[in-house]
Amino acid sequence: MPLSCKVRLTRLRHLLLWFALLVLDPGPGLAYARTQPRSELAAKTILVLHAFESTIPAFSVTDKGISETLQAGGVSNLNQFFEL
């Protein structure tokens, strides 16, 4: 097969792929994927387990970030537990 035919075939495949992605458009379907209503986070209890020693500085920083994010999402400090 000559090189020019291979190039044309490759271009045709790319064109067909782009056309298929345009027609199928998976983006909007993902937005409607949630079928259940969001549960209330204030009633949730969160447990974070560490596989290694919890006094490692990286875990302290990570725990603080997780705690701040959970608080911003509505989970109280009383419902957050960090264990070794």
C-alpha atoms as a PDB file:
ATOM      1  CA  MET A   1       0.000   0.000   0.000  1.00  0.00           C
ATOM      2  CA  PRO A   2       1.511   3.385  -0.964  1.00  0.00           C
ATOM      3  CA  LEU A   3       2.230   5.936   1.731  1.00  0.00           C
ATOM      4  CA  SER A   4      -0.341   8.413   0.433  1.00  0.00           C
ATOM      5  CA  CYS A   5      -3.091   5.797   0.783  1.00  0.00           C
ATOM      6  CA  LYS A   6      -2.043   5.112   4.384  1.00  0.00           C
ATOM      7  CA  VAL A   7      -2.139   8.832   5.160  1.00  0.00           C
ATOM      8  CA  ARG A   8      -5.603   9.174   3.611  1.00  0.00           C
ATOM      9  CA  LEU A   9      -6.829   6.130   5.514  1.00  0.00           C
ATOM     10  CA  THR A  10      -5.487   7.531   8.791  1.00  0.00           C
ATOM     11  CA  ARG A  11      -7.127  10.905   8.129  1.00  0.00           C
ATOM     12  CA  LEU A  12     -10.403   9.199   7.303  1.00  0.00           C
ATOM     13  CA  ARG A  13     -10.255   7.233  10.566  1.00  0.00           C
ATOM     14  CA  HIS A  14      -9.591  10.423  12.554  1.00  0.00           C
ATOM     15  CA  LEU A  15     -12.452  12.189  10.793  1.00  0.00           C
ATOM     16  CA  LEU A  16     -14.822   9.304  11.547  1.00  0.00           C
ATOM     17  CA  LEU A  17     -13.726   9.273  15.192  1.00  0.00           C
ATOM     18  CA  TRP A  18     -14.350  13.010  15.576  1.00  0.00           C
ATOM     19  CA  PHE A  19     -17.712  12.668  13.850  1.00  0.00           C
ATOM     20  CA  ALA A  20     -18.704   9.812  16.177  1.00  0.00           C
ATOM     21  CA  LEU A  21     -17.694  11.833  19.244  1.00  0.00           C
ATOM     22  CA  LEU A  22     -19.676  14.813  17.991  1.00  0.00           C
ATOM     23  CA  VAL A  23     -22.791  12.744  17.342  1.00  0.00           C
ATOM     24  CA  LEU A  24     -22.670  10.680  20.532  1.00  0.00           C
ATOM     25  CA  ASP A  25     -21.618  13.614  22.759  1.00  0.00           C
ATOM     26  CA  PRO A  26     -21.142  11.911  26.141  1.00  0.00           C
ATOM     27  CA  GLY A  27     -20.888  15.252  28.020  1.00  0.00           C
ATOM     28  CA  PRO A  28     -24.554  16.144  28.691  1.00  0.00           C
ATOM     29  CA  GLY A  29     -25.422  12.597  29.702  1.00  0.00           C
ATOM     30  CA  LEU A  30     -22.979  12.788  32.586  1.00  0.00           C
ATOM     31  CA  ALA A  31     -24.764  15.821  34.025  1.00  0.00           C
ATOM     32  CA  TYR A  32     -27.998  13.844  34.335  1.00  0.00           C
ATOM     33  CA  ALA A  33     -26.373  10.700  35.763  1.00  0.00           C
ATOM     34  CA  ARG A  34     -27.362  11.443  39.374  1.00  0.00           C
ATOM     35  CA  THR A  35     -30.710   9.803  40.026  1.00  0.00           C
ATOM     36  CA  GLN A  36     -30.870  10.015  43.802  1.00  0.00           C
ATOM     37  CA  PRO A  37     -31.146  13.270  45.737  1.00  0.00           C
ATOM     38  CA  ARG A  38     -28.100  14.428  47.628  1.00  0.00           C
ATOM     39  CA  SER A  39     -28.052  13.242  51.239  1.00  0.00           C
ATOM     40  CA  GLU A  40     -27.723  15.705  54.091  1.00  0.00           C
ATOM     41  CA  LEU A  41     -24.050  15.823  55.139  1.00  0.00           C
ATOM     42  CA  ALA A  42     -24.708  17.174  58.628  1.00  0.00           C
ATOM     43  CA  ALA A  43     -26.032  13.758  59.665  1.00  0.00           C
ATOM     44  CA  LYS A  44     -22.953  11.890  58.395  1.00  0.00           C
ATOM     45  CA  THR A  45     -20.105  10.606  60.559  1.00  0.00           C
ATOM     46  CA  ILE A  46     -16.661  10.523  58.931  1.00  0.00           C
ATOM     47  CA  LEU A  47     -13.833   8.219  60.037  1.00  0.00           C
ATOM     48  CA  VAL A  48     -10.333   8.677  58.580  1.00  0.00           C
ATOM     49  CA  LEU A  49      -7.984   5.758  59.219  1.00  0.00           C
ATOM     50  CA  HIS A  50      -4.208   6.074  58.900  1.00  0.00           C
ATOM     51  CA  ALA A  51      -2.217   3.045  57.814  1.00  0.00           C
ATOM     52  CA  PHE A  52       0.955   4.419  59.400  1.00  0.00           C
ATOM     53  CA  GLU A  53       1.869   6.577  62.381  1.00  0.00           C
ATOM     54  CA  SER A  54      -0.540   9.522  62.536  1.00  0.00           C
ATOM     55  CA  THR A  55       2.077  11.934  63.940  1.00  0.00           C
ATOM     56  CA  ILE A  56       3.820  12.244  60.558  1.00  0.00           C
ATOM     57  CA  PRO A  57       3.706  15.955  59.548  1.00  0.00           C
ATOM     58  CA  ALA A  58       2.158  15.159  56.162  1.00  0.00           C
ATOM     59  CA  PHE A  59      -0.787  13.496  57.896  1.00  0.00           C
ATOM     60  CA  SER A  60      -1.315  16.536  60.123  1.00  0.00           C
ATOM     61  CA  VAL A  61      -1.534  18.829  57.118  1.00  0.00           C
ATOM     62  CA  THR A  62      -3.758  16.387  55.236  1.00  0.00           C
ATOM     63  CA  ASP A  63      -6.053  15.899  58.235  1.00  0.00           C
ATOM     64  CA  LYS A  64      -6.421  19.651  58.632  1.00  0.00           C
ATOM     65  CA  GLY A  65      -7.331  20.023  54.951  1.00  0.00           C
ATOM     66  CA  ILE A  66      -9.820  17.161  55.104  1.00  0.00           C
ATOM     67  CA  SER A  67     -11.386  18.613  58.240  1.00  0.00           C
ATOM     68  CA  GLU A  68     -11.715  22.095  56.725  1.00  0.00           C
ATOM     69  CA  THR A  69     -13.267  20.664  53.562  1.00  0.00           C
ATOM     70  CA  LEU A  70     -15.742  18.561  55.530  1.00  0.00           C
ATOM     71  CA  GLN A  71     -16.702  21.570  57.656  1.00  0.00           C
ATOM     72  CA  ALA A  72     -17.262  23.629  54.505  1.00  0.00           C
ATOM     73  CA  GLY A  73     -19.525  20.822  53.258  1.00  0.00           C
ATOM     74  CA  GLY A  74     -21.601  20.855  56.432  1.00  0.00           C
ATOM     75  CA  VAL A  75     -20.018  18.071  58.512  1.00  0.00           C
ATOM     76  CA  SER A  76     -19.460  19.228  62.085  1.00  0.00           C
ATOM     77  CA  ASN A  77     -16.206  18.659  64.018  1.00  0.00           C
ATOM     78  CA  LEU A  78     -18.175  16.390  66.345  1.00  0.00           C
ATOM     79  CA  ASN A  79     -18.792  13.986  63.431  1.00  0.00           C
ATOM     80  CA  GLN A  80     -15.171  13.774  62.285  1.00  0.00           C
ATOM     81  CA  PHE A  81     -12.821  11.122  63.644  1.00  0.00           C
ATOM     82  CA  PHE A  82      -9.141  10.632  62.734  1.00  0.00           C
ATOM     83  CA  GLU A  83      -7.622   7.343  63.949  1.00  0.00           C
ATOM     84  CA  LEU A  84      -4.334   5.464  63.632  1.00  0.00           C
END
